[in-house]
Amino acid sequence: MKKIAFVTALVMAAGSLFSCTTFDEFSSKAARKKLESIAENAEDIHETFQRGTVEDNVYTSEFAKIKFTAPDDWTFSSDEELLSAMDIGSDVAGNDDEVMKKLLSKVMIFDAQAAAPDGSNVTIAFENVSALHLDPSEYPLEDHLQSIIDDLDIDTETDGIQLKIVPDGNGYKHTSVAGYDFLTMNCKGSGSAYGFDYEFTQKYYVRYVDDFIMMMTYTMIEDDVSEFEARFEKID
């Protein structure tokens, strides 16, 4: 039982490594831009961006025109948990206008996270490129993935669990998910604690949706992603 608990904690910690990181810490390229005012374009962004919804274990994003049907034994994070991960307090929960205002003060918006009993998990987020005062046409997806690489090639200790995540050396690839072209990158992770050593895999998926980068991070113990990718569908 202790061994199973460790595997779950290890993979969940790896999946949370990205989702709990602020953008300034996460992207050294963007940090060098010396952001002036993230909220400057809030009114225009509000007209286009919509938060996704979760119902009956199905995540639906009308904004990205995609949905993800999780296996029955997966559990989605609650709205309160997602807001907390973005340092948005429970005092605004239920007030859509206030929640949106807070979200638009963030560069990275975490839209959904779901986890399996073994700890395998997916995080779906949207990076607000225009709020960074970057022209999407001058900020290719390759640069975004490179910013991930710059920050991943380090040892990280989370709650006493030692993690190391590095690119697998195969570079970027194009992957079709629900008919959409994502630029993807695979990473290999390893960890140790309590006398156990394990390896896992992370796959990053990115594509532009208007002036946002949709980013999915899938953390898994097995390397097979075909079943995971097949659970996404394009919506009209």
C-alpha atoms as a PDB file:
ATOM      1  CA  MET A   1       0.000   0.000   0.000  1.00  0.00           C
ATOM      2  CA  LYS A   2       2.831   2.372   0.854  1.00  0.00           C
ATOM      3  CA  LYS A   3       4.385   1.662  -2.535  1.00  0.00           C
ATOM      4  CA  ILE A   4       1.132   2.474  -4.367  1.00  0.00           C
ATOM      5  CA  ALA A   5       0.728   5.658  -2.345  1.00  0.00           C
ATOM      6  CA  PHE A   6       4.236   6.751  -3.295  1.00  0.00           C
ATOM      7  CA  VAL A   7       3.637   6.202  -7.016  1.00  0.00           C
ATOM      8  CA  THR A   8       0.454   8.281  -6.802  1.00  0.00           C
ATOM      9  CA  ALA A   9       2.174  11.066  -4.869  1.00  0.00           C
ATOM     10  CA  LEU A  10       5.121  11.085  -7.255  1.00  0.00           C
ATOM     11  CA  VAL A  11       3.090  11.376 -10.443  1.00  0.00           C
ATOM     12  CA  MET A  12       0.692  13.916  -8.935  1.00  0.00           C
ATOM     13  CA  ALA A  13       3.634  16.029  -7.790  1.00  0.00           C
ATOM     14  CA  ALA A  14       5.082  15.925 -11.299  1.00  0.00           C
ATOM     15  CA  GLY A  15       1.771  16.986 -12.790  1.00  0.00           C
ATOM     16  CA  SER A  16       1.455  19.799 -10.275  1.00  0.00           C
ATOM     17  CA  LEU A  17       4.957  21.089 -10.957  1.00  0.00           C
ATOM     18  CA  PHE A  18       3.721  23.099 -13.917  1.00  0.00           C
ATOM     19  CA  SER A  19       0.262  23.955 -12.696  1.00  0.00           C
ATOM     20  CA  CYS A  20       1.418  25.482  -9.416  1.00  0.00           C
ATOM     21  CA  THR A  21       4.085  27.676 -11.020  1.00  0.00           C
ATOM     22  CA  THR A  22       3.482  31.330 -11.767  1.00  0.00           C
ATOM     23  CA  PHE A  23       4.202  32.441 -15.313  1.00  0.00           C
ATOM     24  CA  ASP A  24       7.044  34.771 -14.302  1.00  0.00           C
ATOM     25  CA  GLU A  25       8.803  31.793 -12.704  1.00  0.00           C
ATOM     26  CA  PHE A  26       7.796  29.425 -15.483  1.00  0.00           C
ATOM     27  CA  SER A  27       8.811  31.366 -18.607  1.00  0.00           C
ATOM     28  CA  SER A  28      12.165  33.109 -18.466  1.00  0.00           C
ATOM     29  CA  LYS A  29      11.620  34.459 -21.997  1.00  0.00           C
ATOM     30  CA  ALA A  30       8.435  36.241 -21.014  1.00  0.00           C
ATOM     31  CA  ALA A  31       9.921  37.450 -17.733  1.00  0.00           C
ATOM     32  CA  ARG A  32      12.635  39.246 -19.661  1.00  0.00           C
ATOM     33  CA  LYS A  33       9.962  41.273 -21.417  1.00  0.00           C
ATOM     34  CA  LYS A  34       9.403  43.299 -18.206  1.00  0.00           C
ATOM     35  CA  LEU A  35       5.613  43.114 -18.174  1.00  0.00           C
ATOM     36  CA  GLU A  36       3.895  46.473 -17.849  1.00  0.00           C
ATOM     37  CA  SER A  37       0.229  45.730 -17.170  1.00  0.00           C
ATOM     38  CA  ILE A  38      -1.332  42.295 -17.505  1.00  0.00           C
ATOM     39  CA  ALA A  39      -4.851  43.662 -17.106  1.00  0.00           C
ATOM     40  CA  GLU A  40      -4.488  46.341 -19.797  1.00  0.00           C
ATOM     41  CA  ASN A  41      -6.323  44.278 -22.413  1.00  0.00           C
ATOM     42  CA  ALA A  42      -8.852  42.781 -20.002  1.00  0.00           C
ATOM     43  CA  GLU A  43     -11.959  44.180 -21.679  1.00  0.00           C
ATOM     44  CA  ASP A  44     -11.080  42.803 -25.118  1.00  0.00           C
ATOM     45  CA  ILE A  45     -10.003  39.467 -23.639  1.00  0.00           C
ATOM     46  CA  HIS A  46     -13.293  39.163 -21.767  1.00  0.00           C
ATOM     47  CA  GLU A  47     -15.099  39.302 -25.096  1.00  0.00           C
ATOM     48  CA  THR A  48     -13.314  36.224 -26.406  1.00  0.00           C
ATOM     49  CA  PHE A  49     -12.161  33.990 -23.553  1.00  0.00           C
ATOM     50  CA  GLN A  50     -14.611  31.624 -21.864  1.00  0.00           C
ATOM     51  CA  ARG A  51     -13.895  29.220 -19.035  1.00  0.00           C
ATOM     52  CA  GLY A  52     -14.485  25.545 -19.639  1.00  0.00           C
ATOM     53  CA  THR A  53     -17.045  23.493 -17.730  1.00  0.00           C
ATOM     54  CA  VAL A  54     -17.068  20.008 -16.189  1.00  0.00           C
ATOM     55  CA  GLU A  55     -20.218  17.897 -16.043  1.00  0.00           C
ATOM     56  CA  ASP A  56     -20.548  14.116 -15.630  1.00  0.00           C
ATOM     57  CA  ASN A  57     -16.751  13.762 -15.873  1.00  0.00           C
ATOM     58  CA  VAL A  58     -16.665  15.590 -19.211  1.00  0.00           C
ATOM     59  CA  TYR A  59     -14.644  18.778 -19.666  1.00  0.00           C
ATOM     60  CA  THR A  60     -15.999  21.071 -22.385  1.00  0.00           C
ATOM     61  CA  SER A  61     -14.353  24.233 -23.692  1.00  0.00           C
ATOM     62  CA  GLU A  62     -16.577  26.265 -26.007  1.00  0.00           C
ATOM     63  CA  PHE A  63     -13.655  28.666 -26.378  1.00  0.00           C
ATOM     64  CA  ALA A  64     -11.252  25.999 -27.669  1.00  0.00           C
ATOM     65  CA  LYS A  65     -14.063  23.982 -29.338  1.00  0.00           C
ATOM     66  CA  ILE A  66     -12.953  20.756 -27.693  1.00  0.00           C
ATOM     67  CA  LYS A  67     -14.123  18.349 -25.031  1.00  0.00           C
ATOM     68  CA  PHE A  68     -12.434  15.639 -22.984  1.00  0.00           C
ATOM     69  CA  THR A  69     -14.284  12.647 -21.566  1.00  0.00           C
ATOM     70  CA  ALA A  70     -12.333  11.315 -18.608  1.00  0.00           C
ATOM     71  CA  PRO A  71     -12.494   7.649 -17.561  1.00  0.00           C
ATOM     72  CA  ASP A  72     -15.102   6.924 -14.913  1.00  0.00           C
ATOM     73  CA  ASP A  73     -12.500   6.485 -12.173  1.00  0.00           C
ATOM     74  CA  TRP A  74     -10.805   9.839 -12.822  1.00  0.00           C
ATOM     75  CA  THR A  75     -11.573  12.820 -10.598  1.00  0.00           C
ATOM     76  CA  PHE A  76     -11.653  16.456 -11.696  1.00  0.00           C
ATOM     77  CA  SER A  77     -10.380  19.186  -9.401  1.00  0.00           C
ATOM     78  CA  SER A  78     -13.145  21.418  -8.099  1.00  0.00           C
ATOM     79  CA  ASP A  79     -13.541  25.008  -9.204  1.00  0.00           C
ATOM     80  CA  GLU A  80     -12.428  26.116  -5.751  1.00  0.00           C
ATOM     81  CA  GLU A  81      -9.248  24.034  -6.040  1.00  0.00           C
ATOM     82  CA  LEU A  82      -8.425  25.519  -9.447  1.00  0.00           C
ATOM     83  CA  LEU A  83      -9.011  29.067  -8.232  1.00  0.00           C
ATOM     84  CA  SER A  84      -6.888  28.394  -5.158  1.00  0.00           C
ATOM     85  CA  ALA A  85      -4.035  27.163  -7.384  1.00  0.00           C
ATOM     86  CA  MET A  86      -4.164  30.580  -9.078  1.00  0.00           C
ATOM     87  CA  ASP A  87      -4.245  32.410  -5.724  1.00  0.00           C
ATOM     88  CA  ILE A  88      -7.856  33.466  -6.254  1.00  0.00           C
ATOM     89  CA  GLY A  89      -9.688  33.421  -2.934  1.00  0.00           C
ATOM     90  CA  SER A  90     -12.956  31.731  -2.108  1.00  0.00           C
ATOM     91  CA  ASP A  91     -14.443  35.159  -1.390  1.00  0.00           C
ATOM     92  CA  VAL A  92     -15.147  35.654  -5.113  1.00  0.00           C
ATOM     93  CA  ALA A  93     -16.340  32.104  -5.828  1.00  0.00           C
ATOM     94  CA  GLY A  94     -19.800  32.178  -7.374  1.00  0.00           C
ATOM     95  CA  ASN A  95     -19.410  35.752  -8.627  1.00  0.00           C
ATOM     96  CA  ASP A  96     -18.668  35.199 -12.312  1.00  0.00           C
ATOM     97  CA  ASP A  97     -17.703  38.811 -13.019  1.00  0.00           C
ATOM     98  CA  GLU A  98     -15.279  38.982 -10.110  1.00  0.00           C
ATOM     99  CA  VAL A  99     -13.803  35.572 -10.944  1.00  0.00           C
ATOM    100  CA  MET A 100     -13.269  36.638 -14.559  1.00  0.00           C
ATOM    101  CA  LYS A 101     -11.672  39.897 -13.443  1.00  0.00           C
ATOM    102  CA  LYS A 102      -9.251  37.966 -11.256  1.00  0.00           C
ATOM    103  CA  LEU A 103      -8.543  35.449 -14.003  1.00  0.00           C
ATOM    104  CA  LEU A 104      -7.714  38.191 -16.466  1.00  0.00           C
ATOM    105  CA  SER A 105      -5.075  39.457 -14.071  1.00  0.00           C
ATOM    106  CA  LYS A 106      -3.299  36.142 -14.608  1.00  0.00           C
ATOM    107  CA  VAL A 107      -1.176  35.257 -17.591  1.00  0.00           C
ATOM    108  CA  MET A 108      -1.751  31.520 -17.131  1.00  0.00           C
ATOM    109  CA  ILE A 109      -5.336  30.413 -16.577  1.00  0.00           C
ATOM    110  CA  PHE A 110      -5.797  26.851 -15.320  1.00  0.00           C
ATOM    111  CA  ASP A 111      -9.066  25.591 -16.775  1.00  0.00           C
ATOM    112  CA  ALA A 112      -9.183  21.962 -15.665  1.00  0.00           C
ATOM    113  CA  GLN A 113      -7.238  19.203 -13.970  1.00  0.00           C
ATOM    114  CA  ALA A 114      -8.225  15.543 -13.697  1.00  0.00           C
ATOM    115  CA  ALA A 115      -6.418  12.643 -12.066  1.00  0.00           C
ATOM    116  CA  ALA A 116      -6.569   8.837 -12.144  1.00  0.00           C
ATOM    117  CA  PRO A 117      -6.354   6.650  -9.019  1.00  0.00           C
ATOM    118  CA  ASP A 118      -2.703   5.807  -9.858  1.00  0.00           C
ATOM    119  CA  GLY A 119      -1.828   9.524  -9.997  1.00  0.00           C
ATOM    120  CA  SER A 120      -1.730   9.915 -13.781  1.00  0.00           C
ATOM    121  CA  ASN A 121      -3.222  13.313 -14.528  1.00  0.00           C
ATOM    122  CA  VAL A 122      -3.897  16.019 -17.091  1.00  0.00           C
ATOM    123  CA  THR A 123      -3.836  19.793 -16.657  1.00  0.00           C
ATOM    124  CA  ILE A 124      -5.450  22.072 -19.246  1.00  0.00           C
ATOM    125  CA  ALA A 125      -4.421  25.724 -19.203  1.00  0.00           C
ATOM    126  CA  PHE A 126      -4.532  28.836 -21.382  1.00  0.00           C
ATOM    127  CA  GLU A 127      -1.635  31.279 -21.622  1.00  0.00           C
ATOM    128  CA  ASN A 128      -2.714  34.836 -22.402  1.00  0.00           C
ATOM    129  CA  VAL A 129      -0.101  35.901 -24.952  1.00  0.00           C
ATOM    130  CA  SER A 130      -1.609  39.301 -25.774  1.00  0.00           C
ATOM    131  CA  ALA A 131      -1.614  40.268 -22.098  1.00  0.00           C
ATOM    132  CA  LEU A 132       2.131  39.690 -22.146  1.00  0.00           C
ATOM    133  CA  HIS A 133       2.408  42.423 -24.790  1.00  0.00           C
ATOM    134  CA  LEU A 134       3.729  39.782 -27.174  1.00  0.00           C
ATOM    135  CA  ASP A 135       2.531  39.520 -30.748  1.00  0.00           C
ATOM    136  CA  PRO A 136       1.341  35.912 -31.254  1.00  0.00           C
ATOM    137  CA  SER A 137       2.745  36.016 -34.788  1.00  0.00           C
ATOM    138  CA  GLU A 138       6.166  36.708 -33.267  1.00  0.00           C
ATOM    139  CA  TYR A 139       5.876  34.185 -30.437  1.00  0.00           C
ATOM    140  CA  PRO A 140       5.928  30.742 -32.054  1.00  0.00           C
ATOM    141  CA  LEU A 141       4.902  27.629 -30.181  1.00  0.00           C
ATOM    142  CA  GLU A 142       8.480  26.390 -30.405  1.00  0.00           C
ATOM    143  CA  ASP A 143       9.560  29.316 -28.223  1.00  0.00           C
ATOM    144  CA  HIS A 144       6.898  28.442 -25.687  1.00  0.00           C
ATOM    145  CA  LEU A 145       8.070  24.824 -25.462  1.00  0.00           C
ATOM    146  CA  GLN A 146      11.682  26.001 -25.244  1.00  0.00           C
ATOM    147  CA  SER A 147      10.755  28.112 -22.219  1.00  0.00           C
ATOM    148  CA  ILE A 148       9.440  24.921 -20.617  1.00  0.00           C
ATOM    149  CA  ILE A 149      12.695  23.102 -21.361  1.00  0.00           C
ATOM    150  CA  ASP A 150      14.711  25.953 -19.861  1.00  0.00           C
ATOM    151  CA  ASP A 151      12.932  25.494 -16.557  1.00  0.00           C
ATOM    152  CA  LEU A 152      12.433  21.715 -16.520  1.00  0.00           C
ATOM    153  CA  ASP A 153      16.072  20.624 -16.646  1.00  0.00           C
ATOM    154  CA  ILE A 154      16.487  20.984 -12.908  1.00  0.00           C
ATOM    155  CA  ASP A 155      15.993  18.876  -9.808  1.00  0.00           C
ATOM    156  CA  THR A 156      12.908  19.826  -7.830  1.00  0.00           C
ATOM    157  CA  GLU A 157      11.914  18.638  -4.370  1.00  0.00           C
ATOM    158  CA  THR A 158       8.209  18.788  -3.545  1.00  0.00           C
ATOM    159  CA  ASP A 159       6.928  17.597  -0.169  1.00  0.00           C
ATOM    160  CA  GLY A 160       9.987  15.454   0.349  1.00  0.00           C
ATOM    161  CA  ILE A 161       9.782  13.770  -3.066  1.00  0.00           C
ATOM    162  CA  GLN A 162      12.781  14.238  -5.348  1.00  0.00           C
ATOM    163  CA  LEU A 163      11.896  14.802  -8.996  1.00  0.00           C
ATOM    164  CA  LYS A 164      13.884  15.341 -12.163  1.00  0.00           C
ATOM    165  CA  ILE A 165      12.143  16.019 -15.493  1.00  0.00           C
ATOM    166  CA  VAL A 166      14.040  16.431 -18.770  1.00  0.00           C
ATOM    167  CA  PRO A 167      13.144  16.366 -22.501  1.00  0.00           C
ATOM    168  CA  ASP A 168      13.421  12.901 -24.034  1.00  0.00           C
ATOM    169  CA  GLY A 169      15.735  14.165 -26.784  1.00  0.00           C
ATOM    170  CA  ASN A 170      13.341  13.604 -29.682  1.00  0.00           C
ATOM    171  CA  GLY A 171      12.485  17.274 -30.151  1.00  0.00           C
ATOM    172  CA  TYR A 172       9.093  18.687 -31.094  1.00  0.00           C
ATOM    173  CA  LYS A 173       6.449  16.821 -33.068  1.00  0.00           C
ATOM    174  CA  HIS A 174       3.050  17.628 -34.537  1.00  0.00           C
ATOM    175  CA  THR A 175       0.215  15.561 -33.074  1.00  0.00           C
ATOM    176  CA  SER A 176      -3.423  15.564 -34.162  1.00  0.00           C
ATOM    177  CA  VAL A 177      -5.848  15.569 -31.230  1.00  0.00           C
ATOM    178  CA  ALA A 178      -9.580  15.828 -32.020  1.00  0.00           C
ATOM    179  CA  GLY A 179      -8.601  17.048 -35.476  1.00  0.00           C
ATOM    180  CA  TYR A 180      -6.497  19.917 -34.120  1.00  0.00           C
ATOM    181  CA  ASP A 181      -2.772  20.234 -34.792  1.00  0.00           C
ATOM    182  CA  PHE A 182      -0.828  20.451 -31.510  1.00  0.00           C
ATOM    183  CA  LEU A 183       2.906  20.950 -31.261  1.00  0.00           C
ATOM    184  CA  THR A 184       4.042  18.381 -28.710  1.00  0.00           C
ATOM    185  CA  MET A 185       7.071  17.490 -26.649  1.00  0.00           C
ATOM    186  CA  ASN A 186       7.790  14.426 -24.531  1.00  0.00           C
ATOM    187  CA  CYS A 187       9.715  14.529 -21.279  1.00  0.00           C
ATOM    188  CA  LYS A 188      11.053  11.798 -19.062  1.00  0.00           C
ATOM    189  CA  GLY A 189      10.763  12.031 -15.321  1.00  0.00           C
ATOM    190  CA  SER A 190      12.281  10.121 -12.454  1.00  0.00           C
ATOM    191  CA  GLY A 191      11.795  10.267  -8.722  1.00  0.00           C
ATOM    192  CA  SER A 192      12.763   8.615  -5.505  1.00  0.00           C
ATOM    193  CA  ALA A 193      11.543   8.579  -1.921  1.00  0.00           C
ATOM    194  CA  TYR A 194      11.009   6.088   0.871  1.00  0.00           C
ATOM    195  CA  GLY A 195      13.445   3.673  -0.781  1.00  0.00           C
ATOM    196  CA  PHE A 196      11.485   3.455  -4.066  1.00  0.00           C
ATOM    197  CA  ASP A 197      12.627   4.638  -7.509  1.00  0.00           C
ATOM    198  CA  TYR A 198      10.199   5.228 -10.380  1.00  0.00           C
ATOM    199  CA  GLU A 199      10.078   6.645 -13.860  1.00  0.00           C
ATOM    200  CA  PHE A 200       7.195   8.412 -15.596  1.00  0.00           C
ATOM    201  CA  THR A 201       6.461  10.351 -18.757  1.00  0.00           C
ATOM    202  CA  GLN A 202       5.091  13.833 -19.388  1.00  0.00           C
ATOM    203  CA  LYS A 203       3.738  15.033 -22.707  1.00  0.00           C
ATOM    204  CA  TYR A 204       3.059  18.682 -23.468  1.00  0.00           C
ATOM    205  CA  TYR A 205       0.520  19.721 -26.116  1.00  0.00           C
ATOM    206  CA  VAL A 206       0.266  23.360 -27.299  1.00  0.00           C
ATOM    207  CA  ARG A 207      -1.738  25.190 -29.973  1.00  0.00           C
ATOM    208  CA  TYR A 208      -2.984  28.706 -30.501  1.00  0.00           C
ATOM    209  CA  VAL A 209      -6.629  29.558 -29.813  1.00  0.00           C
ATOM    210  CA  ASP A 210      -7.055  33.213 -30.777  1.00  0.00           C
ATOM    211  CA  ASP A 211      -4.377  35.079 -28.776  1.00  0.00           C
ATOM    212  CA  PHE A 212      -4.119  32.324 -26.172  1.00  0.00           C
ATOM    213  CA  ILE A 213      -1.928  29.235 -26.139  1.00  0.00           C
ATOM    214  CA  MET A 214      -3.912  26.190 -25.076  1.00  0.00           C
ATOM    215  CA  MET A 215      -1.572  23.907 -23.161  1.00  0.00           C
ATOM    216  CA  MET A 216      -2.285  20.377 -21.999  1.00  0.00           C
ATOM    217  CA  THR A 217       0.160  18.556 -19.744  1.00  0.00           C
ATOM    218  CA  TYR A 218      -0.347  14.804 -19.428  1.00  0.00           C
ATOM    219  CA  THR A 219       1.647  13.009 -16.734  1.00  0.00           C
ATOM    220  CA  MET A 220       1.589   9.223 -16.820  1.00  0.00           C
ATOM    221  CA  ILE A 221       3.365   6.104 -15.641  1.00  0.00           C
ATOM    222  CA  GLU A 222       2.931   4.324 -18.988  1.00  0.00           C
ATOM    223  CA  ASP A 223       4.181   5.714 -22.304  1.00  0.00           C
ATOM    224  CA  ASP A 224       1.024   4.932 -24.301  1.00  0.00           C
ATOM    225  CA  VAL A 225      -0.960   8.137 -24.902  1.00  0.00           C
ATOM    226  CA  SER A 226      -3.257   6.859 -27.656  1.00  0.00           C
ATOM    227  CA  GLU A 227      -6.185   6.117 -25.326  1.00  0.00           C
ATOM    228  CA  PHE A 228      -5.800   9.508 -23.640  1.00  0.00           C
ATOM    229  CA  GLU A 229      -5.724  11.401 -26.951  1.00  0.00           C
ATOM    230  CA  ALA A 230      -8.727   9.473 -28.263  1.00  0.00           C
ATOM    231  CA  ARG A 231     -10.845  10.860 -25.431  1.00  0.00           C
ATOM    232  CA  PHE A 232     -10.812  14.339 -26.965  1.00  0.00           C
ATOM    233  CA  GLU A 233     -13.468  15.424 -29.459  1.00  0.00           C
ATOM    234  CA  LYS A 234     -13.936  18.528 -31.567  1.00  0.00           C
ATOM    235  CA  ILE A 235     -17.180  20.393 -30.951  1.00  0.00           C
ATOM    236  CA  ASP A 236     -19.030  22.840 -33.228  1.00  0.00           C
END
